[in-house]
C-alpha atoms as a PDB file:
ATOM      1  CA  UNK A   1     -28.226   6.915   8.685  1.00  0.00           C
ATOM      2  CA  UNK A   2     -26.301   4.205  10.522  1.00  0.00           C
ATOM      3  CA  UNK A   3     -27.166   0.646  11.481  1.00  0.00           C
ATOM      4  CA  UNK A   4     -24.119  -0.304  13.581  1.00  0.00           C
ATOM      5  CA  UNK A   5     -23.142  -3.208  11.317  1.00  0.00           C
ATOM      6  CA  UNK A   6     -19.549  -3.550  10.131  1.00  0.00           C
ATOM      7  CA  UNK A   7     -18.271  -6.339   7.874  1.00  0.00           C
ATOM      8  CA  UNK A   8     -14.645  -7.395   7.524  1.00  0.00           C
ATOM      9  CA  UNK A   9     -13.035  -8.848   4.397  1.00  0.00           C
ATOM     10  CA  UNK A  10      -9.280  -9.452   4.654  1.00  0.00           C
ATOM     11  CA  UNK A  11      -6.392 -11.683   3.676  1.00  0.00           C
ATOM     12  CA  UNK A  12      -5.295 -11.977   7.320  1.00  0.00           C
ATOM     13  CA  UNK A  13      -6.239 -15.622   7.814  1.00  0.00           C
ATOM     14  CA  UNK A  14      -7.029 -16.876  11.309  1.00  0.00           C
ATOM     15  CA  UNK A  15      -3.601 -17.930  12.545  1.00  0.00           C
ATOM     16  CA  UNK A  16      -2.592 -14.466  13.750  1.00  0.00           C
ATOM     17  CA  UNK A  17      -4.303 -11.884  15.928  1.00  0.00           C
ATOM     18  CA  UNK A  18      -4.937  -9.275  13.219  1.00  0.00           C
ATOM     19  CA  UNK A  19      -8.661  -9.838  12.584  1.00  0.00           C
ATOM     20  CA  UNK A  20      -9.415 -10.127  16.294  1.00  0.00           C
ATOM     21  CA  UNK A  21      -7.545  -6.941  17.133  1.00  0.00           C
ATOM     22  CA  UNK A  22      -9.520  -4.989  14.513  1.00  0.00           C
ATOM     23  CA  UNK A  23     -12.712  -6.200  16.181  1.00  0.00           C
ATOM     24  CA  UNK A  24     -11.378  -5.079  19.555  1.00  0.00           C
ATOM     25  CA  UNK A  25     -10.780  -1.556  18.249  1.00  0.00           C
ATOM     26  CA  UNK A  26     -14.311  -1.394  16.844  1.00  0.00           C
ATOM     27  CA  UNK A  27     -15.914  -2.699  20.041  1.00  0.00           C
ATOM     28  CA  UNK A  28     -13.911  -0.278  22.158  1.00  0.00           C
ATOM     29  CA  UNK A  29     -15.877   2.508  20.470  1.00  0.00           C
ATOM     30  CA  UNK A  30     -19.265   0.841  20.980  1.00  0.00           C
ATOM     31  CA  UNK A  31     -19.968  -2.594  22.426  1.00  0.00           C
ATOM     32  CA  UNK A  32     -23.322  -2.743  20.635  1.00  0.00           C
ATOM     33  CA  UNK A  33     -21.750  -2.811  17.154  1.00  0.00           C
ATOM     34  CA  UNK A  34     -22.429  -5.978  15.163  1.00  0.00           C
ATOM     35  CA  UNK A  35     -19.293  -7.243  13.403  1.00  0.00           C
ATOM     36  CA  UNK A  36     -19.618  -9.803  10.614  1.00  0.00           C
ATOM     37  CA  UNK A  37     -16.662 -11.666   9.106  1.00  0.00           C
ATOM     38  CA  UNK A  38     -17.333 -12.040   5.399  1.00  0.00           C
ATOM     39  CA  UNK A  39     -13.978 -13.790   5.092  1.00  0.00           C
ATOM     40  CA  UNK A  40     -10.385 -13.572   6.252  1.00  0.00           C
ATOM     41  CA  UNK A  41      -9.385 -16.189   3.690  1.00  0.00           C
ATOM     42  CA  UNK A  42      -8.736 -14.014   0.647  1.00  0.00           C
ATOM     43  CA  UNK A  43      -5.510 -15.130  -1.007  1.00  0.00           C
ATOM     44  CA  UNK A  44      -2.506 -13.115   0.142  1.00  0.00           C
ATOM     45  CA  UNK A  45      -2.661  -9.672  -1.507  1.00  0.00           C
ATOM     46  CA  UNK A  46      -5.222 -11.006  -3.996  1.00  0.00           C
ATOM     47  CA  UNK A  47      -6.996  -7.786  -4.923  1.00  0.00           C
ATOM     48  CA  UNK A  48      -9.032  -9.288  -7.758  1.00  0.00           C
ATOM     49  CA  UNK A  49     -10.435 -12.114  -5.617  1.00  0.00           C
ATOM     50  CA  UNK A  50     -11.373  -9.599  -2.931  1.00  0.00           C
ATOM     51  CA  UNK A  51     -13.028  -7.284  -5.461  1.00  0.00           C
ATOM     52  CA  UNK A  52     -15.369 -10.043  -6.600  1.00  0.00           C
ATOM     53  CA  UNK A  53     -15.940 -11.246  -3.048  1.00  0.00           C
ATOM     54  CA  UNK A  54     -17.165  -7.914  -1.706  1.00  0.00           C
ATOM     55  CA  UNK A  55     -19.196  -7.216  -4.849  1.00  0.00           C
ATOM     56  CA  UNK A  56     -21.070 -10.508  -4.491  1.00  0.00           C
ATOM     57  CA  UNK A  57     -21.520 -10.206  -0.704  1.00  0.00           C
ATOM     58  CA  UNK A  58     -22.505  -6.664   0.227  1.00  0.00           C
ATOM     59  CA  UNK A  59     -26.064  -6.844  -1.147  1.00  0.00           C
ATOM     60  CA  UNK A  60     -27.089  -9.392   1.501  1.00  0.00           C
ATOM     61  CA  UNK A  61     -26.629  -6.821   4.279  1.00  0.00           C
ATOM     62  CA  UNK A  62     -28.906  -3.928   5.271  1.00  0.00           C
ATOM     63  CA  UNK A  63     -28.406  -0.510   3.709  1.00  0.00           C
ATOM     64  CA  UNK A  64     -25.827   1.695   5.446  1.00  0.00           C
ATOM     65  CA  UNK A  65     -23.685  -1.273   6.462  1.00  0.00           C
ATOM     66  CA  UNK A  66     -19.989  -0.346   6.645  1.00  0.00           C
ATOM     67  CA  UNK A  67     -17.815  -2.815   4.714  1.00  0.00           C
ATOM     68  CA  UNK A  68     -14.108  -2.794   5.582  1.00  0.00           C
ATOM     69  CA  UNK A  69     -11.846  -4.412   2.983  1.00  0.00           C
ATOM     70  CA  UNK A  70      -8.188  -4.866   3.932  1.00  0.00           C
ATOM     71  CA  UNK A  71      -6.193  -6.289   1.024  1.00  0.00           C
ATOM     72  CA  UNK A  72      -3.223  -3.989   1.029  1.00  0.00           C
ATOM     73  CA  UNK A  73      -0.045  -4.839  -0.929  1.00  0.00           C
ATOM     74  CA  UNK A  74       0.981  -1.173  -0.609  1.00  0.00           C
ATOM     75  CA  UNK A  75       0.924  -1.030   3.189  1.00  0.00           C
ATOM     76  CA  UNK A  76       3.526   1.448   4.417  1.00  0.00           C
ATOM     77  CA  UNK A  77       3.579   3.328   1.095  1.00  0.00           C
ATOM     78  CA  UNK A  78       1.875   6.596   0.174  1.00  0.00           C
ATOM     79  CA  UNK A  79      -1.279   4.901  -1.111  1.00  0.00           C
ATOM     80  CA  UNK A  80      -4.424   6.465   0.316  1.00  0.00           C
ATOM     81  CA  UNK A  81      -7.552   5.067   1.912  1.00  0.00           C
ATOM     82  CA  UNK A  82     -10.975   5.856   0.516  1.00  0.00           C
ATOM     83  CA  UNK A  83     -14.588   5.719   1.617  1.00  0.00           C
ATOM     84  CA  UNK A  84     -17.159   4.945  -1.054  1.00  0.00           C
ATOM     85  CA  UNK A  85     -20.887   5.128  -0.844  1.00  0.00           C
ATOM     86  CA  UNK A  86     -22.267   2.724  -3.439  1.00  0.00           C
ATOM     87  CA  UNK A  87     -25.774   1.295  -3.719  1.00  0.00           C
ATOM     88  CA  UNK A  88     -26.638   2.560  -0.243  1.00  0.00           C
ATOM     89  CA  UNK A  89     -23.647   0.916   1.465  1.00  0.00           C
ATOM     90  CA  UNK A  90     -20.310   2.257   2.723  1.00  0.00           C
ATOM     91  CA  UNK A  91     -16.954   0.756   1.728  1.00  0.00           C
ATOM     92  CA  UNK A  92     -13.599   1.479   3.396  1.00  0.00           C
ATOM     93  CA  UNK A  93     -10.455   0.212   1.685  1.00  0.00           C
ATOM     94  CA  UNK A  94      -7.074   1.138   0.246  1.00  0.00           C
ATOM     95  CA  UNK A  95      -7.358   2.904  -3.097  1.00  0.00           C
ATOM     96  CA  UNK A  96      -5.718   0.028  -4.968  1.00  0.00           C
ATOM     97  CA  UNK A  97      -8.558  -1.186  -7.177  1.00  0.00           C
ATOM     98  CA  UNK A  98     -10.143  -3.567  -4.670  1.00  0.00           C
ATOM     99  CA  UNK A  99     -13.380  -1.555  -4.925  1.00  0.00           C
ATOM    100  CA  UNK A 100     -13.378  -1.481  -8.740  1.00  0.00           C
ATOM    101  CA  UNK A 101     -16.699  -3.312  -9.089  1.00  0.00           C
ATOM    102  CA  UNK A 102     -18.336  -0.948  -6.604  1.00  0.00           C
ATOM    103  CA  UNK A 103     -17.412   1.935  -8.918  1.00  0.00           C
ATOM    104  CA  UNK A 104     -19.803   0.819 -11.630  1.00  0.00           C
ATOM    105  CA  UNK A 105     -21.856   3.827 -12.693  1.00  0.00           C
ATOM    106  CA  UNK A 106     -25.187   2.334 -11.654  1.00  0.00           C
ATOM    107  CA  UNK A 107     -23.870   1.685  -8.107  1.00  0.00           C
ATOM    108  CA  UNK A 108     -21.497   4.569  -7.330  1.00  0.00           C
ATOM    109  CA  UNK A 109     -22.832   7.519  -5.317  1.00  0.00           C
ATOM    110  CA  UNK A 110     -19.841   9.417  -3.912  1.00  0.00           C
ATOM    111  CA  UNK A 111     -16.341   9.005  -2.513  1.00  0.00           C
ATOM    112  CA  UNK A 112     -14.035  10.613   0.026  1.00  0.00           C
ATOM    113  CA  UNK A 113     -10.357  10.400   0.893  1.00  0.00           C
ATOM    114  CA  UNK A 114      -9.842   9.163   4.455  1.00  0.00           C
ATOM    115  CA  UNK A 115      -7.662  11.769   6.165  1.00  0.00           C
ATOM    116  CA  UNK A 116      -9.442  12.308   9.500  1.00  0.00           C
ATOM    117  CA  UNK A 117      -6.235  11.814  11.464  1.00  0.00           C
ATOM    118  CA  UNK A 118      -7.808  12.934  14.713  1.00  0.00           C
ATOM    119  CA  UNK A 119      -9.623   9.594  15.039  1.00  0.00           C
ATOM    120  CA  UNK A 120      -6.758   7.333  13.939  1.00  0.00           C
ATOM    121  CA  UNK A 121      -5.072   5.283  16.654  1.00  0.00           C
ATOM    122  CA  UNK A 122      -1.783   6.682  17.938  1.00  0.00           C
ATOM    123  CA  UNK A 123       1.020   5.899  17.437  1.00  0.00           C
ATOM    124  CA  UNK A 124       0.279   4.935  13.836  1.00  0.00           C
ATOM    125  CA  UNK A 125       1.866   1.635  12.811  1.00  0.00           C
ATOM    126  CA  UNK A 126       3.641   1.410   9.443  1.00  0.00           C
ATOM    127  CA  UNK A 127       2.210  -2.049   8.789  1.00  0.00           C
ATOM    128  CA  UNK A 128      -1.217  -2.371  10.425  1.00  0.00           C
ATOM    129  CA  UNK A 129      -3.422   0.378   9.040  1.00  0.00           C
ATOM    130  CA  UNK A 130      -6.451  -1.905   9.220  1.00  0.00           C
ATOM    131  CA  UNK A 131      -6.225  -1.581  13.009  1.00  0.00           C
ATOM    132  CA  UNK A 132      -5.039   2.015  13.291  1.00  0.00           C
ATOM    133  CA  UNK A 133      -7.027   3.716  10.502  1.00  0.00           C
ATOM    134  CA  UNK A 134      -9.832   1.623   9.039  1.00  0.00           C
ATOM    135  CA  UNK A 135     -11.178   0.086  12.260  1.00  0.00           C
ATOM    136  CA  UNK A 136     -11.660   3.378  14.157  1.00  0.00           C
ATOM    137  CA  UNK A 137     -13.055   5.146  11.074  1.00  0.00           C
ATOM    138  CA  UNK A 138     -15.504   2.265  10.497  1.00  0.00           C
ATOM    139  CA  UNK A 139     -16.575   2.429  14.146  1.00  0.00           C
ATOM    140  CA  UNK A 140     -17.313   6.147  13.906  1.00  0.00           C
ATOM    141  CA  UNK A 141     -19.254   5.713  10.652  1.00  0.00           C
ATOM    142  CA  UNK A 142     -21.333   2.888  12.107  1.00  0.00           C
ATOM    143  CA  UNK A 143     -22.189   5.156  14.998  1.00  0.00           C
ATOM    144  CA  UNK A 144     -23.474   7.972  12.825  1.00  0.00           C
ATOM    145  CA  UNK A 145     -20.489  10.030  11.670  1.00  0.00           C
ATOM    146  CA  UNK A 146     -21.315  11.689   8.348  1.00  0.00           C
ATOM    147  CA  UNK A 147     -19.245  10.296   5.454  1.00  0.00           C
ATOM    148  CA  UNK A 148     -17.989  13.740   4.419  1.00  0.00           C
ATOM    149  CA  UNK A 149     -16.367  14.056   7.846  1.00  0.00           C
ATOM    150  CA  UNK A 150     -13.668  11.534   6.884  1.00  0.00           C
ATOM    151  CA  UNK A 151     -12.028  13.887   4.386  1.00  0.00           C
ATOM    152  CA  UNK A 152     -12.133  15.619   1.042  1.00  0.00           C
ATOM    153  CA  UNK A 153     -14.499  14.585  -1.743  1.00  0.00           C
ATOM    154  CA  UNK A 154     -13.211  12.524  -4.684  1.00  0.00           C
ATOM    155  CA  UNK A 155     -14.575  12.079  -8.184  1.00  0.00           C
ATOM    156  CA  UNK A 156     -15.158   8.591  -9.500  1.00  0.00           C
ATOM    157  CA  UNK A 157     -12.421   9.231 -12.089  1.00  0.00           C
ATOM    158  CA  UNK A 158      -9.908   9.929  -9.282  1.00  0.00           C
ATOM    159  CA  UNK A 159     -10.064   6.363  -7.992  1.00  0.00           C
ATOM    160  CA  UNK A 160      -7.986   3.344  -8.926  1.00  0.00           C
ATOM    161  CA  UNK A 161      -9.841   0.989 -11.269  1.00  0.00           C
ATOM    162  CA  UNK A 162      -8.465  -2.438 -12.159  1.00  0.00           C
ATOM    163  CA  UNK A 163      -8.523  -3.383 -15.841  1.00  0.00           C
ATOM    164  CA  UNK A 164      -9.886  -6.619 -17.279  1.00  0.00           C
ATOM    165  CA  UNK A 165     -12.309  -7.481 -14.491  1.00  0.00           C
ATOM    166  CA  UNK A 166     -15.073  -8.042 -17.020  1.00  0.00           C
ATOM    167  CA  UNK A 167     -15.008 -10.861 -19.589  1.00  0.00           C
ATOM    168  CA  UNK A 168     -14.612 -10.163 -23.291  1.00  0.00           C
ATOM    169  CA  UNK A 169     -17.727 -10.805 -25.375  1.00  0.00           C
ATOM    170  CA  UNK A 170     -16.803 -11.412 -29.019  1.00  0.00           C
ATOM    171  CA  UNK A 171     -20.135 -11.156 -30.816  1.00  0.00           C
ATOM    172  CA  UNK A 172     -18.574 -11.762 -34.233  1.00  0.00           C
ATOM    173  CA  UNK A 173     -17.122 -15.151 -33.270  1.00  0.00           C
ATOM    174  CA  UNK A 174     -19.770 -15.985 -30.650  1.00  0.00           C
ATOM    175  CA  UNK A 175     -17.203 -16.503 -27.873  1.00  0.00           C
ATOM    176  CA  UNK A 176     -16.912 -15.235 -24.313  1.00  0.00           C
ATOM    177  CA  UNK A 177     -13.366 -15.060 -22.934  1.00  0.00           C
ATOM    178  CA  UNK A 178     -13.118 -14.874 -19.183  1.00  0.00           C
ATOM    179  CA  UNK A 179     -10.842 -15.911 -16.332  1.00  0.00           C
ATOM    180  CA  UNK A 180     -10.810 -17.954 -13.154  1.00  0.00           C
ATOM    181  CA  UNK A 181     -11.049 -15.300 -10.442  1.00  0.00           C
ATOM    182  CA  UNK A 182     -11.061 -17.608  -7.415  1.00  0.00           C
ATOM    183  CA  UNK A 183     -11.020 -21.255  -6.339  1.00  0.00           C
ATOM    184  CA  UNK A 184     -13.122 -22.197  -3.342  1.00  0.00           C
ATOM    185  CA  UNK A 185     -12.229 -24.774  -0.688  1.00  0.00           C
ATOM    186  CA  UNK A 186     -14.123 -27.470  -2.615  1.00  0.00           C
ATOM    187  CA  UNK A 187     -11.953 -26.963  -5.699  1.00  0.00           C
ATOM    188  CA  UNK A 188     -14.707 -25.253  -7.686  1.00  0.00           C
ATOM    189  CA  UNK A 189     -13.373 -22.793 -10.265  1.00  0.00           C
ATOM    190  CA  UNK A 190     -15.293 -19.521 -10.102  1.00  0.00           C
ATOM    191  CA  UNK A 191     -15.155 -17.404 -13.248  1.00  0.00           C
ATOM    192  CA  UNK A 192     -15.994 -13.806 -14.061  1.00  0.00           C
ATOM    193  CA  UNK A 193     -18.498 -14.912 -16.743  1.00  0.00           C
ATOM    194  CA  UNK A 194     -21.997 -14.192 -15.494  1.00  0.00           C
ATOM    195  CA  UNK A 195     -25.430 -15.507 -16.382  1.00  0.00           C
ATOM    196  CA  UNK A 196     -26.178 -12.104 -17.920  1.00  0.00           C
ATOM    197  CA  UNK A 197     -23.053 -12.325 -20.104  1.00  0.00           C
ATOM    198  CA  UNK A 198     -24.199 -15.687 -21.442  1.00  0.00           C
ATOM    199  CA  UNK A 199     -27.720 -14.449 -22.109  1.00  0.00           C
ATOM    200  CA  UNK A 200     -26.366 -11.354 -23.841  1.00  0.00           C
ATOM    201  CA  UNK A 201     -24.433 -13.399 -26.386  1.00  0.00           C
ATOM    202  CA  UNK A 202     -26.427 -16.602 -26.724  1.00  0.00           C
ATOM    203  CA  UNK A 203     -30.067 -17.541 -27.065  1.00  0.00           C
ATOM    204  CA  UNK A 204     -31.619 -18.271 -23.658  1.00  0.00           C
ATOM    205  CA  UNK A 205     -32.675 -21.722 -24.849  1.00  0.00           C
ATOM    206  CA  UNK A 206     -29.159 -22.788 -25.852  1.00  0.00           C
ATOM    207  CA  UNK A 207     -27.626 -23.448 -22.408  1.00  0.00           C
ATOM    208  CA  UNK A 208     -27.410 -27.178 -23.184  1.00  0.00           C
ATOM    209  CA  UNK A 209     -25.275 -26.318 -26.215  1.00  0.00           C
ATOM    210  CA  UNK A 210     -22.680 -24.202 -24.425  1.00  0.00           C
ATOM    211  CA  UNK A 211     -19.107 -25.364 -24.852  1.00  0.00           C
ATOM    212  CA  UNK A 212     -16.771 -24.350 -22.003  1.00  0.00           C
ATOM    213  CA  UNK A 213     -13.010 -24.775 -22.402  1.00  0.00           C
ATOM    214  CA  UNK A 214     -10.147 -24.467 -19.918  1.00  0.00           C
ATOM    215  CA  UNK A 215      -6.643 -25.938 -20.009  1.00  0.00           C
ATOM    216  CA  UNK A 216      -7.519 -28.332 -22.871  1.00  0.00           C
ATOM    217  CA  UNK A 217     -10.613 -29.603 -21.039  1.00  0.00           C
ATOM    218  CA  UNK A 218     -13.942 -29.130 -22.831  1.00  0.00           C
ATOM    219  CA  UNK A 219     -17.293 -29.325 -21.052  1.00  0.00           C
ATOM    220  CA  UNK A 220     -20.621 -29.310 -22.861  1.00  0.00           C
ATOM    221  CA  UNK A 221     -23.794 -27.868 -21.374  1.00  0.00           C
ATOM    222  CA  UNK A 222     -24.771 -26.286 -18.055  1.00  0.00           C
ATOM    223  CA  UNK A 223     -26.016 -28.490 -15.225  1.00  0.00           C
ATOM    224  CA  UNK A 224     -28.501 -27.673 -12.471  1.00  0.00           C
ATOM    225  CA  UNK A 225     -26.752 -29.553  -9.663  1.00  0.00           C
ATOM    226  CA  UNK A 226     -23.367 -30.997  -8.751  1.00  0.00           C
ATOM    227  CA  UNK A 227     -24.714 -34.545  -8.813  1.00  0.00           C
ATOM    228  CA  UNK A 228     -25.952 -34.288 -12.406  1.00  0.00           C
ATOM    229  CA  UNK A 229     -22.845 -36.177 -13.582  1.00  0.00           C
ATOM    230  CA  UNK A 230     -20.886 -39.207 -12.434  1.00  0.00           C
ATOM    231  CA  UNK A 231     -18.392 -38.981  -9.572  1.00  0.00           C
ATOM    232  CA  UNK A 232     -15.217 -37.197 -10.679  1.00  0.00           C
ATOM    233  CA  UNK A 233     -16.759 -35.911 -13.896  1.00  0.00           C
ATOM    234  CA  UNK A 234     -16.433 -32.206 -14.732  1.00  0.00           C
ATOM    235  CA  UNK A 235     -19.481 -29.990 -15.081  1.00  0.00           C
ATOM    236  CA  UNK A 236     -20.433 -26.345 -15.571  1.00  0.00           C
ATOM    237  CA  UNK A 237     -23.003 -24.731 -13.304  1.00  0.00           C
ATOM    238  CA  UNK A 238     -24.186 -21.214 -12.471  1.00  0.00           C
ATOM    239  CA  UNK A 239     -23.092 -20.826  -8.859  1.00  0.00           C
ATOM    240  CA  UNK A 240     -24.278 -18.672  -5.973  1.00  0.00           C
ATOM    241  CA  UNK A 241     -22.630 -15.583  -7.476  1.00  0.00           C
ATOM    242  CA  UNK A 242     -24.695 -16.147 -10.632  1.00  0.00           C
ATOM    243  CA  UNK A 243     -21.491 -16.760 -12.575  1.00  0.00           C
ATOM    244  CA  UNK A 244     -20.159 -19.801 -14.382  1.00  0.00           C
ATOM    245  CA  UNK A 245     -18.374 -22.268 -12.124  1.00  0.00           C
ATOM    246  CA  UNK A 246     -16.455 -25.316 -13.258  1.00  0.00           C
ATOM    247  CA  UNK A 247     -16.839 -28.133 -10.762  1.00  0.00           C
ATOM    248  CA  UNK A 248     -16.403 -31.879 -10.423  1.00  0.00           C
ATOM    249  CA  UNK A 249     -18.932 -34.163  -8.823  1.00  0.00           C
ATOM    250  CA  UNK A 250     -17.637 -35.198  -5.361  1.00  0.00           C
ATOM    251  CA  UNK A 251     -14.162 -34.083  -6.370  1.00  0.00           C
ATOM    252  CA  UNK A 252     -11.964 -31.047  -6.995  1.00  0.00           C
ATOM    253  CA  UNK A 253     -12.088 -29.494 -10.455  1.00  0.00           C
ATOM    254  CA  UNK A 254      -8.964 -27.508  -9.587  1.00  0.00           C
ATOM    255  CA  UNK A 255      -6.961 -30.709  -9.109  1.00  0.00           C
ATOM    256  CA  UNK A 256      -8.426 -32.509 -12.122  1.00  0.00           C
ATOM    257  CA  UNK A 257      -7.755 -29.579 -14.446  1.00  0.00           C
ATOM    258  CA  UNK A 258      -4.581 -28.387 -12.704  1.00  0.00           C
ATOM    259  CA  UNK A 259      -6.141 -24.940 -12.711  1.00  0.00           C
ATOM    260  CA  UNK A 260      -5.050 -21.710 -11.089  1.00  0.00           C
ATOM    261  CA  UNK A 261      -6.475 -18.253 -10.639  1.00  0.00           C
ATOM    262  CA  UNK A 262      -6.062 -16.250 -13.825  1.00  0.00           C
ATOM    263  CA  UNK A 263      -6.421 -19.213 -16.207  1.00  0.00           C
ATOM    264  CA  UNK A 264      -8.437 -18.306 -19.283  1.00  0.00           C
ATOM    265  CA  UNK A 265     -11.907 -19.790 -19.773  1.00  0.00           C
ATOM    266  CA  UNK A 266     -13.816 -19.600 -23.037  1.00  0.00           C
ATOM    267  CA  UNK A 267     -17.514 -20.203 -23.560  1.00  0.00           C
ATOM    268  CA  UNK A 268     -19.000 -20.753 -27.023  1.00  0.00           C
ATOM    269  CA  UNK A 269     -21.989 -22.475 -28.589  1.00  0.00           C
ATOM    270  CA  UNK A 270     -21.119 -25.792 -30.232  1.00  0.00           C
ATOM    271  CA  UNK A 271     -23.496 -24.989 -33.093  1.00  0.00           C
ATOM    272  CA  UNK A 272     -21.749 -21.731 -34.033  1.00  0.00           C
END
């Protein structure tokens, strides 16, 4: 089944022609294809940020959408490209761990190595495989090509999986240890600690008692809106990804805390 929708998630930015050229390749195959930019603003070669981005975004598209993810530090090397079918959607990307969260057992369906060289663009560039490989393969998939036609089947265990994408839940000490996985343009710090993680470790009625710590800053409780505190004051909120975000009312939490991606965040209950 195909629906002629292709999404693009890259670290290309908008200054250069790369994202536009990929769209041109796709439209050359079929002008009726719908192309959606999820984002071209992933941090340069930031595989972890991209992994969370596609995992939180894909579910808002119809089944059988083809999601192309081009975050490729290994461009020009012998790394391979893979096609996953997970949760009814298709994902095309380098096999570098960017699809780690789509390999969760309750989502993963099957996988294939992309080696259908007959539909790659020629000559094949050493540095722009998003254009020459992923764009034409995505176009063919969106127009009904069967996934097994891209190449040989792969087991889930054959694929690159990034470590430490999930937070650590220490039930003995009553602490969740997570990380900042991205910082949005408003300066909000997005963590990998989800609402489900919090509910798993703490009583559902204890949200007001949560104690969130990062870079020597301690924040008590979880707010329902950004304006629940005074201007410039830090707060914790469950954001649109259903994960803990550290924000500042009408200000940038990233600047106030001097935070960066990868900084550790801990969540505990002040009564424990």
